[in-house]
N, C-alpha and C. Protein backbone atom coordinates (compact mmCIF):
# COMPACT_ATOMS: atom_id res chain seq x y z
N MET A 1 10.46 -20.84 -52.93
CA MET A 1 10.77 -21.39 -51.64
C MET A 1 11.63 -20.41 -50.84
N LYS A 2 12.61 -19.81 -51.56
CA LYS A 2 13.47 -18.83 -50.89
C LYS A 2 12.66 -17.64 -50.42
N LYS A 3 11.74 -17.17 -51.26
CA LYS A 3 10.90 -16.02 -50.89
C LYS A 3 10.06 -16.35 -49.66
N MET A 4 9.52 -17.55 -49.62
CA MET A 4 8.70 -17.97 -48.48
C MET A 4 9.52 -17.98 -47.20
N MET A 5 10.75 -18.49 -47.27
CA MET A 5 11.62 -18.54 -46.10
C MET A 5 12.01 -17.13 -45.66
N LEU A 6 12.30 -16.25 -46.61
CA LEU A 6 12.64 -14.86 -46.28
C LEU A 6 11.46 -14.16 -45.62
N ARG A 7 10.27 -14.38 -46.15
CA ARG A 7 9.07 -13.78 -45.55
C ARG A 7 8.86 -14.30 -44.12
N THR A 8 9.02 -15.57 -43.93
CA THR A 8 8.85 -16.17 -42.60
C THR A 8 9.87 -15.60 -41.62
N MET A 9 11.12 -15.50 -42.07
CA MET A 9 12.17 -14.93 -41.20
C MET A 9 11.88 -13.47 -40.89
N ALA A 10 11.40 -12.73 -41.88
CA ALA A 10 11.05 -11.32 -41.67
C ALA A 10 9.91 -11.20 -40.66
N MET A 11 8.91 -12.07 -40.76
CA MET A 11 7.79 -12.06 -39.81
C MET A 11 8.26 -12.39 -38.39
N VAL A 12 9.11 -13.39 -38.28
CA VAL A 12 9.64 -13.77 -36.96
C VAL A 12 10.43 -12.61 -36.37
N LEU A 13 11.27 -12.00 -37.18
CA LEU A 13 12.07 -10.85 -36.72
C LEU A 13 11.17 -9.70 -36.29
N LEU A 14 10.12 -9.42 -37.07
CA LEU A 14 9.17 -8.36 -36.73
C LEU A 14 8.47 -8.66 -35.41
N CYS A 15 8.05 -9.90 -35.22
CA CYS A 15 7.40 -10.31 -33.97
C CYS A 15 8.34 -10.15 -32.78
N MET A 16 9.59 -10.52 -32.96
CA MET A 16 10.57 -10.39 -31.88
C MET A 16 10.79 -8.92 -31.52
N MET A 17 10.85 -8.06 -32.53
CA MET A 17 11.05 -6.63 -32.27
C MET A 17 9.83 -6.05 -31.55
N MET A 18 8.64 -6.46 -31.95
CA MET A 18 7.43 -5.97 -31.30
C MET A 18 7.37 -6.44 -29.85
N THR A 19 7.74 -7.68 -29.61
CA THR A 19 7.75 -8.22 -28.25
C THR A 19 8.75 -7.46 -27.39
N ALA A 20 9.92 -7.18 -27.92
CA ALA A 20 10.94 -6.43 -27.18
C ALA A 20 10.45 -5.02 -26.86
N THR A 21 9.73 -4.40 -27.80
CA THR A 21 9.19 -3.05 -27.58
C THR A 21 8.14 -3.07 -26.48
N VAL A 22 7.24 -4.06 -26.52
CA VAL A 22 6.20 -4.19 -25.50
C VAL A 22 6.84 -4.43 -24.14
N PHE A 23 7.85 -5.31 -24.09
CA PHE A 23 8.53 -5.60 -22.83
C PHE A 23 9.20 -4.35 -22.27
N ALA A 24 9.88 -3.60 -23.13
CA ALA A 24 10.54 -2.36 -22.69
C ALA A 24 9.51 -1.36 -22.21
N SER A 25 8.38 -1.27 -22.92
CA SER A 25 7.31 -0.36 -22.53
C SER A 25 6.75 -0.74 -21.16
N ASN A 26 6.52 -2.04 -20.93
CA ASN A 26 6.02 -2.50 -19.62
C ASN A 26 7.04 -2.23 -18.52
N ALA A 27 8.31 -2.45 -18.79
CA ALA A 27 9.35 -2.19 -17.80
C ALA A 27 9.39 -0.71 -17.43
N GLU A 28 9.21 0.16 -18.43
CA GLU A 28 9.18 1.60 -18.17
C GLU A 28 7.96 1.97 -17.32
N LYS A 29 6.80 1.37 -17.61
CA LYS A 29 5.59 1.64 -16.83
C LYS A 29 5.77 1.20 -15.39
N VAL A 30 6.34 0.02 -15.19
CA VAL A 30 6.58 -0.50 -13.84
C VAL A 30 7.54 0.42 -13.09
N ALA A 31 8.62 0.83 -13.73
CA ALA A 31 9.60 1.72 -13.09
C ALA A 31 8.95 3.06 -12.73
N LYS A 32 8.11 3.57 -13.63
CA LYS A 32 7.42 4.85 -13.36
C LYS A 32 6.46 4.71 -12.18
N GLU A 33 5.69 3.63 -12.15
CA GLU A 33 4.73 3.45 -11.05
C GLU A 33 5.46 3.24 -9.73
N ARG A 34 6.55 2.50 -9.74
CA ARG A 34 7.35 2.33 -8.51
C ARG A 34 7.86 3.67 -8.01
N ALA A 35 8.36 4.51 -8.91
CA ALA A 35 8.87 5.83 -8.52
C ALA A 35 7.74 6.69 -7.93
N GLU A 36 6.55 6.62 -8.52
CA GLU A 36 5.41 7.37 -7.97
C GLU A 36 5.07 6.89 -6.57
N ILE A 37 5.05 5.58 -6.37
CA ILE A 37 4.74 5.03 -5.05
C ILE A 37 5.82 5.39 -4.04
N ASP A 38 7.09 5.34 -4.45
CA ASP A 38 8.19 5.74 -3.56
C ASP A 38 8.00 7.18 -3.09
N ALA A 39 7.62 8.07 -4.02
CA ALA A 39 7.39 9.48 -3.67
C ALA A 39 6.18 9.63 -2.74
N LEU A 40 5.09 8.88 -3.01
CA LEU A 40 3.92 8.93 -2.14
C LEU A 40 4.27 8.45 -0.73
N SER A 41 5.09 7.41 -0.65
CA SER A 41 5.50 6.86 0.64
C SER A 41 6.31 7.88 1.43
N ALA A 42 7.26 8.51 0.78
CA ALA A 42 8.09 9.53 1.44
C ALA A 42 7.22 10.69 1.93
N LYS A 43 6.26 11.11 1.11
CA LYS A 43 5.36 12.22 1.47
C LYS A 43 4.47 11.82 2.66
N ALA A 44 3.97 10.60 2.66
CA ALA A 44 3.13 10.13 3.77
C ALA A 44 3.91 10.16 5.09
N LEU A 45 5.16 9.69 5.05
CA LEU A 45 5.98 9.71 6.26
C LEU A 45 6.28 11.15 6.69
N GLN A 46 6.60 12.01 5.73
CA GLN A 46 6.87 13.41 6.05
C GLN A 46 5.65 14.06 6.72
N ASN A 47 4.46 13.83 6.19
CA ASN A 47 3.23 14.39 6.78
C ASN A 47 3.01 13.85 8.18
N LEU A 48 3.25 12.56 8.38
CA LEU A 48 3.09 11.96 9.70
C LEU A 48 4.06 12.59 10.69
N TYR A 49 5.33 12.73 10.32
CA TYR A 49 6.34 13.27 11.22
C TYR A 49 6.06 14.73 11.57
N GLU A 50 5.50 15.49 10.62
CA GLU A 50 5.16 16.88 10.90
C GLU A 50 4.05 16.98 11.93
N LYS A 51 3.06 16.10 11.83
CA LYS A 51 1.92 16.15 12.75
C LYS A 51 2.19 15.42 14.06
N MET A 52 3.06 14.41 14.01
CA MET A 52 3.34 13.61 15.19
C MET A 52 4.83 13.25 15.21
N PRO A 53 5.68 14.16 15.68
CA PRO A 53 7.13 13.93 15.65
C PRO A 53 7.59 12.63 16.32
N SER A 54 6.88 12.16 17.34
CA SER A 54 7.28 10.92 18.02
C SER A 54 7.17 9.70 17.10
N ALA A 55 6.39 9.81 16.03
CA ALA A 55 6.21 8.69 15.11
C ALA A 55 7.50 8.34 14.37
N GLU A 56 8.37 9.30 14.17
CA GLU A 56 9.62 9.04 13.45
C GLU A 56 10.47 8.02 14.20
N ARG A 57 10.54 8.15 15.51
CA ARG A 57 11.30 7.19 16.31
C ARG A 57 10.65 5.81 16.22
N VAL A 58 9.31 5.77 16.25
CA VAL A 58 8.59 4.50 16.15
C VAL A 58 8.90 3.82 14.82
N ILE A 59 8.81 4.56 13.72
CA ILE A 59 9.05 4.00 12.38
C ILE A 59 10.50 3.53 12.25
N ASP A 60 11.44 4.33 12.75
CA ASP A 60 12.86 3.97 12.66
C ASP A 60 13.21 2.71 13.44
N ASN A 61 12.48 2.44 14.53
CA ASN A 61 12.83 1.34 15.42
C ASN A 61 11.92 0.13 15.33
N CYS A 62 10.91 0.16 14.49
CA CYS A 62 10.01 -0.99 14.39
C CYS A 62 10.61 -2.07 13.48
N TYR A 63 10.05 -3.25 13.52
CA TYR A 63 10.52 -4.34 12.67
C TYR A 63 10.34 -3.98 11.20
N ALA A 64 9.15 -3.42 10.87
CA ALA A 64 8.84 -3.04 9.49
C ALA A 64 7.72 -2.00 9.52
N TYR A 65 7.51 -1.37 8.39
CA TYR A 65 6.40 -0.41 8.27
C TYR A 65 5.88 -0.44 6.84
N ALA A 66 4.70 0.12 6.66
CA ALA A 66 4.12 0.22 5.31
C ALA A 66 3.34 1.51 5.22
N THR A 67 3.36 2.11 4.05
CA THR A 67 2.54 3.30 3.78
C THR A 67 1.62 2.96 2.61
N LEU A 68 0.37 3.40 2.72
CA LEU A 68 -0.60 3.23 1.64
C LEU A 68 -1.29 4.56 1.43
N SER A 69 -1.26 5.07 0.21
CA SER A 69 -1.96 6.30 -0.14
C SER A 69 -3.26 5.89 -0.82
N ASN A 70 -4.38 6.43 -0.32
CA ASN A 70 -5.69 5.94 -0.71
C ASN A 70 -6.64 7.06 -1.10
N THR A 71 -7.63 6.70 -1.89
CA THR A 71 -8.74 7.58 -2.21
C THR A 71 -10.01 6.83 -1.84
N GLY A 72 -10.85 7.46 -1.04
CA GLY A 72 -12.10 6.85 -0.63
C GLY A 72 -13.29 7.67 -1.08
N ILE A 73 -14.35 6.96 -1.48
CA ILE A 73 -15.58 7.61 -1.93
C ILE A 73 -16.73 7.01 -1.13
N LYS A 74 -17.59 7.86 -0.62
CA LYS A 74 -18.76 7.42 0.13
C LYS A 74 -19.98 8.14 -0.41
N LEU A 75 -20.93 7.39 -0.94
CA LEU A 75 -22.16 7.96 -1.48
C LEU A 75 -23.34 7.18 -0.92
N GLY A 76 -24.11 7.81 -0.04
CA GLY A 76 -25.27 7.13 0.55
C GLY A 76 -24.84 6.01 1.46
N ILE A 77 -25.31 4.79 1.13
CA ILE A 77 -24.99 3.66 2.01
C ILE A 77 -23.79 2.85 1.55
N PHE A 78 -23.26 3.14 0.36
CA PHE A 78 -22.13 2.38 -0.16
C PHE A 78 -20.87 3.23 -0.23
N GLY A 79 -19.76 2.60 0.00
CA GLY A 79 -18.48 3.29 -0.11
C GLY A 79 -17.38 2.33 -0.50
N SER A 80 -16.31 2.89 -1.04
CA SER A 80 -15.15 2.07 -1.38
C SER A 80 -13.91 2.95 -1.35
N ALA A 81 -12.80 2.30 -1.31
CA ALA A 81 -11.51 3.00 -1.37
C ALA A 81 -10.52 2.07 -2.06
N HIS A 82 -9.53 2.68 -2.67
CA HIS A 82 -8.44 1.91 -3.27
C HIS A 82 -7.15 2.67 -3.04
N GLY A 83 -6.08 1.94 -2.97
CA GLY A 83 -4.80 2.59 -2.73
C GLY A 83 -3.63 1.75 -3.15
N ARG A 84 -2.46 2.36 -3.04
CA ARG A 84 -1.22 1.68 -3.38
C ARG A 84 -0.15 2.19 -2.43
N GLY A 85 0.87 1.38 -2.22
CA GLY A 85 1.89 1.79 -1.28
C GLY A 85 3.09 0.87 -1.27
N LEU A 86 3.86 1.03 -0.20
CA LEU A 86 5.15 0.34 -0.08
C LEU A 86 5.31 -0.17 1.35
N ALA A 87 5.69 -1.45 1.46
CA ALA A 87 6.03 -2.04 2.76
C ALA A 87 7.54 -2.20 2.81
N VAL A 88 8.14 -1.78 3.92
CA VAL A 88 9.60 -1.81 4.07
C VAL A 88 9.94 -2.57 5.35
N ASN A 89 10.79 -3.57 5.21
CA ASN A 89 11.24 -4.35 6.36
C ASN A 89 12.55 -3.73 6.84
N ASN A 90 12.50 -3.06 8.00
CA ASN A 90 13.70 -2.43 8.56
C ASN A 90 14.76 -3.45 8.93
N ALA A 91 14.34 -4.67 9.28
CA ALA A 91 15.28 -5.69 9.72
C ALA A 91 16.07 -6.29 8.55
N THR A 92 15.43 -6.46 7.38
CA THR A 92 16.08 -7.13 6.25
C THR A 92 16.35 -6.21 5.06
N GLY A 93 15.68 -5.06 5.01
CA GLY A 93 15.81 -4.16 3.87
C GLY A 93 14.87 -4.49 2.72
N GLU A 94 14.10 -5.57 2.83
CA GLU A 94 13.16 -5.96 1.77
C GLU A 94 12.08 -4.89 1.58
N GLN A 95 11.71 -4.66 0.33
CA GLN A 95 10.63 -3.72 -0.01
C GLN A 95 9.60 -4.45 -0.86
N VAL A 96 8.32 -4.26 -0.52
CA VAL A 96 7.23 -4.91 -1.24
C VAL A 96 6.20 -3.84 -1.59
N TYR A 97 5.87 -3.73 -2.89
CA TYR A 97 4.84 -2.80 -3.33
C TYR A 97 3.48 -3.43 -3.07
N MET A 98 2.55 -2.63 -2.54
CA MET A 98 1.28 -3.15 -2.05
C MET A 98 0.09 -2.46 -2.74
N ARG A 99 -1.06 -3.11 -2.68
CA ARG A 99 -2.34 -2.57 -3.13
C ARG A 99 -3.34 -2.71 -1.99
N MET A 100 -4.39 -1.87 -2.03
CA MET A 100 -5.44 -1.93 -1.02
C MET A 100 -6.79 -1.76 -1.68
N GLU A 101 -7.77 -2.54 -1.22
CA GLU A 101 -9.17 -2.41 -1.64
C GLU A 101 -9.99 -2.39 -0.37
N GLU A 102 -10.99 -1.52 -0.34
CA GLU A 102 -11.85 -1.40 0.84
C GLU A 102 -13.29 -1.25 0.38
N MET A 103 -14.18 -1.95 1.03
CA MET A 103 -15.61 -1.81 0.78
C MET A 103 -16.27 -1.48 2.12
N GLY A 104 -17.29 -0.63 2.07
CA GLY A 104 -17.96 -0.26 3.30
C GLY A 104 -19.45 -0.13 3.10
N ALA A 105 -20.17 -0.34 4.19
CA ALA A 105 -21.62 -0.14 4.19
C ALA A 105 -21.96 0.70 5.41
N GLY A 106 -22.75 1.71 5.22
CA GLY A 106 -23.14 2.61 6.29
C GLY A 106 -23.57 3.92 5.68
N ILE A 107 -23.96 4.84 6.49
CA ILE A 107 -24.46 6.11 5.99
C ILE A 107 -23.33 7.12 5.91
N GLY A 108 -23.26 7.86 4.77
CA GLY A 108 -22.24 8.88 4.64
C GLY A 108 -22.20 9.46 3.25
N ILE A 109 -21.41 10.51 3.12
CA ILE A 109 -21.21 11.14 1.82
C ILE A 109 -19.85 11.83 1.82
N GLY A 110 -19.14 11.75 0.71
CA GLY A 110 -17.88 12.48 0.61
C GLY A 110 -16.81 11.72 -0.15
N VAL A 111 -15.73 12.42 -0.41
CA VAL A 111 -14.55 11.88 -1.06
C VAL A 111 -13.35 12.38 -0.26
N LYS A 112 -12.41 11.49 0.01
CA LYS A 112 -11.21 11.94 0.72
C LYS A 112 -10.00 11.16 0.26
N GLU A 113 -8.86 11.81 0.34
CA GLU A 113 -7.57 11.17 0.11
C GLU A 113 -6.90 11.07 1.47
N TYR A 114 -6.34 9.92 1.74
CA TYR A 114 -5.72 9.72 3.04
C TYR A 114 -4.58 8.72 2.93
N ASP A 115 -3.69 8.79 3.91
CA ASP A 115 -2.56 7.86 4.00
C ASP A 115 -2.75 6.98 5.22
N LEU A 116 -2.43 5.72 5.07
CA LEU A 116 -2.36 4.80 6.18
C LEU A 116 -0.89 4.43 6.35
N ILE A 117 -0.39 4.58 7.56
CA ILE A 117 1.00 4.21 7.84
C ILE A 117 0.94 3.10 8.89
N PHE A 118 1.37 1.91 8.50
CA PHE A 118 1.33 0.75 9.38
C PHE A 118 2.67 0.56 10.05
N VAL A 119 2.64 0.27 11.34
CA VAL A 119 3.82 -0.09 12.12
C VAL A 119 3.70 -1.59 12.37
N ILE A 120 4.69 -2.32 11.92
CA ILE A 120 4.66 -3.78 11.99
C ILE A 120 5.72 -4.23 12.99
N GLY A 121 5.28 -4.91 14.05
CA GLY A 121 6.16 -5.18 15.18
C GLY A 121 6.94 -6.47 15.16
N THR A 122 6.53 -7.44 14.35
CA THR A 122 7.19 -8.74 14.39
C THR A 122 7.36 -9.33 12.99
N GLU A 123 8.22 -10.34 12.90
CA GLU A 123 8.40 -11.04 11.62
C GLU A 123 7.11 -11.73 11.20
N ALA A 124 6.40 -12.34 12.16
CA ALA A 124 5.14 -13.02 11.84
C ALA A 124 4.10 -12.02 11.30
N ALA A 125 4.02 -10.85 11.93
CA ALA A 125 3.09 -9.83 11.47
C ALA A 125 3.48 -9.35 10.07
N TRP A 126 4.78 -9.19 9.80
CA TRP A 126 5.27 -8.80 8.48
C TRP A 126 4.85 -9.83 7.43
N ASN A 127 5.10 -11.10 7.72
CA ASN A 127 4.75 -12.15 6.76
C ASN A 127 3.26 -12.18 6.47
N SER A 128 2.44 -12.01 7.50
CA SER A 128 0.98 -11.97 7.30
C SER A 128 0.58 -10.74 6.49
N PHE A 129 1.21 -9.62 6.76
CA PHE A 129 0.86 -8.38 6.07
C PHE A 129 1.18 -8.47 4.58
N ILE A 130 2.39 -8.85 4.21
CA ILE A 130 2.77 -8.85 2.79
C ILE A 130 2.13 -10.00 2.01
N SER A 131 1.69 -11.04 2.70
CA SER A 131 1.05 -12.15 2.00
C SER A 131 -0.44 -11.90 1.78
N GLY A 132 -0.97 -10.84 2.40
CA GLY A 132 -2.39 -10.53 2.23
C GLY A 132 -3.29 -11.35 3.12
N ASP A 133 -2.73 -12.00 4.14
CA ASP A 133 -3.52 -12.85 5.03
C ASP A 133 -4.38 -12.07 6.02
N ILE A 134 -4.08 -10.78 6.20
CA ILE A 134 -4.81 -9.98 7.18
C ILE A 134 -5.87 -9.16 6.47
N LYS A 135 -7.08 -9.22 7.01
CA LYS A 135 -8.16 -8.37 6.53
C LYS A 135 -8.54 -7.47 7.70
N PHE A 136 -8.54 -6.17 7.45
CA PHE A 136 -8.78 -5.21 8.51
C PHE A 136 -10.23 -4.77 8.51
N GLY A 137 -10.76 -4.53 9.70
CA GLY A 137 -12.11 -4.01 9.81
C GLY A 137 -12.30 -3.36 11.16
N GLY A 138 -13.22 -2.40 11.25
CA GLY A 138 -13.48 -1.74 12.52
C GLY A 138 -12.40 -0.76 12.89
N SER A 139 -12.38 -0.34 14.13
CA SER A 139 -11.36 0.59 14.60
C SER A 139 -11.01 0.24 16.04
N ALA A 140 -10.00 0.89 16.56
CA ALA A 140 -9.53 0.57 17.91
C ALA A 140 -9.24 1.85 18.67
N GLU A 141 -8.58 1.69 19.78
CA GLU A 141 -8.27 2.82 20.65
C GLU A 141 -7.34 3.81 19.96
N ALA A 142 -7.35 5.06 20.41
CA ALA A 142 -6.49 6.09 19.82
C ALA A 142 -5.02 5.85 20.14
N SER A 143 -4.73 5.18 21.23
CA SER A 143 -3.35 4.87 21.58
C SER A 143 -3.30 3.42 22.03
N ALA A 144 -2.57 2.59 21.32
CA ALA A 144 -2.54 1.16 21.62
C ALA A 144 -1.18 0.78 22.19
N SER A 145 -1.18 -0.13 23.17
CA SER A 145 0.07 -0.62 23.73
C SER A 145 0.84 -1.38 22.66
N ASP A 146 2.16 -1.23 22.65
CA ASP A 146 2.92 -1.94 21.64
C ASP A 146 3.16 -3.39 22.02
N GLY A 147 2.92 -3.77 23.26
CA GLY A 147 3.02 -5.16 23.68
C GLY A 147 4.44 -5.68 23.81
N TYR A 148 5.42 -4.90 23.44
CA TYR A 148 6.81 -5.38 23.48
C TYR A 148 7.66 -4.52 24.41
N ALA A 149 7.59 -3.22 24.23
CA ALA A 149 8.41 -2.33 25.04
C ALA A 149 7.64 -1.82 26.24
N GLY A 150 6.37 -2.22 26.37
CA GLY A 150 5.56 -1.77 27.50
C GLY A 150 5.07 -0.35 27.32
N GLY A 151 5.31 0.25 26.17
CA GLY A 151 4.89 1.62 25.94
C GLY A 151 3.66 1.66 25.06
N ALA A 152 3.38 2.81 24.53
CA ALA A 152 2.25 2.97 23.63
C ALA A 152 2.73 3.65 22.37
N ILE A 153 2.03 3.40 21.30
CA ILE A 153 2.32 4.09 20.05
C ILE A 153 1.27 5.18 19.95
N GLU A 154 1.64 6.35 20.39
CA GLU A 154 0.72 7.47 20.49
C GLU A 154 0.12 7.82 19.14
N GLY A 155 -1.21 7.92 19.11
CA GLY A 155 -1.91 8.31 17.90
C GLY A 155 -2.18 7.18 16.93
N ALA A 156 -1.70 5.99 17.23
CA ALA A 156 -1.93 4.84 16.34
C ALA A 156 -3.00 3.94 16.92
N SER A 157 -3.71 3.28 16.05
CA SER A 157 -4.73 2.31 16.45
C SER A 157 -4.19 0.91 16.21
N MET A 158 -4.58 -0.02 17.05
CA MET A 158 -4.18 -1.40 16.84
C MET A 158 -5.02 -1.94 15.70
N ALA A 159 -4.39 -2.43 14.64
CA ALA A 159 -5.10 -2.91 13.47
C ALA A 159 -5.23 -4.43 13.46
N ALA A 160 -4.21 -5.12 13.96
CA ALA A 160 -4.19 -6.57 14.01
C ALA A 160 -3.08 -6.95 14.99
N ASP A 161 -2.92 -8.23 15.24
CA ASP A 161 -1.88 -8.68 16.17
C ASP A 161 -0.51 -8.26 15.65
N GLY A 162 0.17 -7.39 16.39
CA GLY A 162 1.51 -6.93 16.02
C GLY A 162 1.53 -5.82 14.99
N ILE A 163 0.36 -5.24 14.65
CA ILE A 163 0.28 -4.19 13.63
C ILE A 163 -0.56 -3.02 14.15
N TRP A 164 0.02 -1.83 14.05
CA TRP A 164 -0.68 -0.59 14.41
C TRP A 164 -0.77 0.28 13.18
N VAL A 165 -1.71 1.23 13.19
CA VAL A 165 -1.89 2.07 12.01
C VAL A 165 -2.16 3.51 12.40
N TYR A 166 -1.50 4.43 11.69
CA TYR A 166 -1.79 5.86 11.76
C TYR A 166 -2.61 6.19 10.51
N GLN A 167 -3.62 7.03 10.64
CA GLN A 167 -4.36 7.49 9.47
C GLN A 167 -4.25 9.00 9.39
N MET A 168 -3.81 9.48 8.22
CA MET A 168 -3.64 10.91 7.98
C MET A 168 -4.48 11.31 6.77
N THR A 169 -5.49 12.15 6.96
CA THR A 169 -6.29 12.64 5.84
C THR A 169 -5.50 13.74 5.15
N THR A 170 -5.35 13.61 3.82
CA THR A 170 -4.56 14.59 3.08
C THR A 170 -5.43 15.59 2.32
N LYS A 171 -6.60 15.14 1.82
CA LYS A 171 -7.51 16.04 1.09
C LYS A 171 -8.93 15.54 1.25
N GLY A 172 -9.85 16.50 1.26
CA GLY A 172 -11.26 16.15 1.21
C GLY A 172 -11.89 16.03 2.57
N LEU A 173 -13.17 15.76 2.55
CA LEU A 173 -13.95 15.63 3.77
C LEU A 173 -14.99 14.55 3.53
N ALA A 174 -15.10 13.63 4.45
CA ALA A 174 -16.13 12.60 4.35
C ALA A 174 -16.79 12.47 5.71
N LEU A 175 -18.10 12.60 5.72
CA LEU A 175 -18.87 12.39 6.93
C LEU A 175 -19.47 11.01 6.82
N GLU A 176 -19.11 10.12 7.74
CA GLU A 176 -19.59 8.77 7.60
C GLU A 176 -19.59 8.02 8.92
N ALA A 177 -20.44 7.00 8.98
CA ALA A 177 -20.47 6.03 10.06
C ALA A 177 -20.60 4.69 9.35
N SER A 178 -19.56 3.87 9.35
CA SER A 178 -19.62 2.67 8.53
C SER A 178 -18.84 1.51 9.13
N ILE A 179 -19.09 0.36 8.57
CA ILE A 179 -18.35 -0.86 8.88
C ILE A 179 -17.56 -1.17 7.61
N LYS A 180 -16.26 -1.30 7.73
CA LYS A 180 -15.41 -1.44 6.55
C LYS A 180 -14.71 -2.79 6.54
N GLY A 181 -14.47 -3.27 5.34
CA GLY A 181 -13.64 -4.46 5.15
C GLY A 181 -12.49 -4.07 4.25
N THR A 182 -11.28 -4.25 4.71
CA THR A 182 -10.10 -3.81 3.96
C THR A 182 -9.20 -4.99 3.66
N LYS A 183 -8.79 -5.10 2.43
CA LYS A 183 -7.86 -6.14 1.99
C LYS A 183 -6.61 -5.46 1.46
N ILE A 184 -5.46 -5.83 2.00
CA ILE A 184 -4.16 -5.31 1.55
C ILE A 184 -3.36 -6.50 1.04
N TYR A 185 -2.75 -6.34 -0.14
CA TYR A 185 -2.04 -7.46 -0.75
C TYR A 185 -0.87 -6.95 -1.59
N ALA A 186 0.10 -7.83 -1.83
CA ALA A 186 1.27 -7.48 -2.64
C ALA A 186 0.86 -7.30 -4.09
N ASP A 187 1.43 -6.29 -4.75
CA ASP A 187 1.17 -6.01 -6.16
C ASP A 187 2.08 -6.90 -7.00
N LYS A 188 1.50 -7.93 -7.61
CA LYS A 188 2.30 -8.90 -8.37
C LYS A 188 3.07 -8.26 -9.52
N LYS A 189 2.42 -7.32 -10.21
CA LYS A 189 3.08 -6.69 -11.37
C LYS A 189 4.29 -5.88 -10.94
N LEU A 190 4.17 -5.09 -9.88
CA LEU A 190 5.27 -4.23 -9.45
C LEU A 190 6.37 -4.99 -8.72
N ASN A 191 6.04 -6.15 -8.16
CA ASN A 191 7.03 -6.94 -7.45
C ASN A 191 7.64 -8.03 -8.33
N GLY A 192 7.20 -8.11 -9.59
CA GLY A 192 7.75 -9.11 -10.51
C GLY A 192 7.42 -10.53 -10.15
N MET A 193 6.25 -10.74 -9.57
CA MET A 193 5.86 -12.10 -9.15
C MET A 193 5.26 -12.86 -10.31
């Protein structure tokens, strides 16, 4: 009886140690992925500011912004892209790690890496963006009115109500004409949801 109890206790202890190791390993993976995304976000902003210095003032003064680093593939009539990034609320300091999925249909060929930098103008737009309620598709004017200050966000396209987007290609070349559907949503694993 004593041997059975000792074996049971040893098994329970072993299971607890294995669970703690797995938990620590997952925490390390999450911390590593967050650090990678933080670096990608900083690089995306740096590239944007180098190409369009006026964007720095826009990002500093907007309600919130988000960066997504993406890889897109287009082969024949089908294409897709996936990405990851960070949304930052300038008003509250909140940070939300994000994911992106995109599907497209149209003619084209190529692979490209690109950054999307979103300018978010209002609390309502922020809430819609981080909750994944907005699905993006199509394109807009090269310079869209911000609707608040009476000015324009030079080089940005209007993506949705209260949201503008800059697109910066970082690597590759893709020749395409397509209709795209893009879904952006909070990363549950990285945000601890």
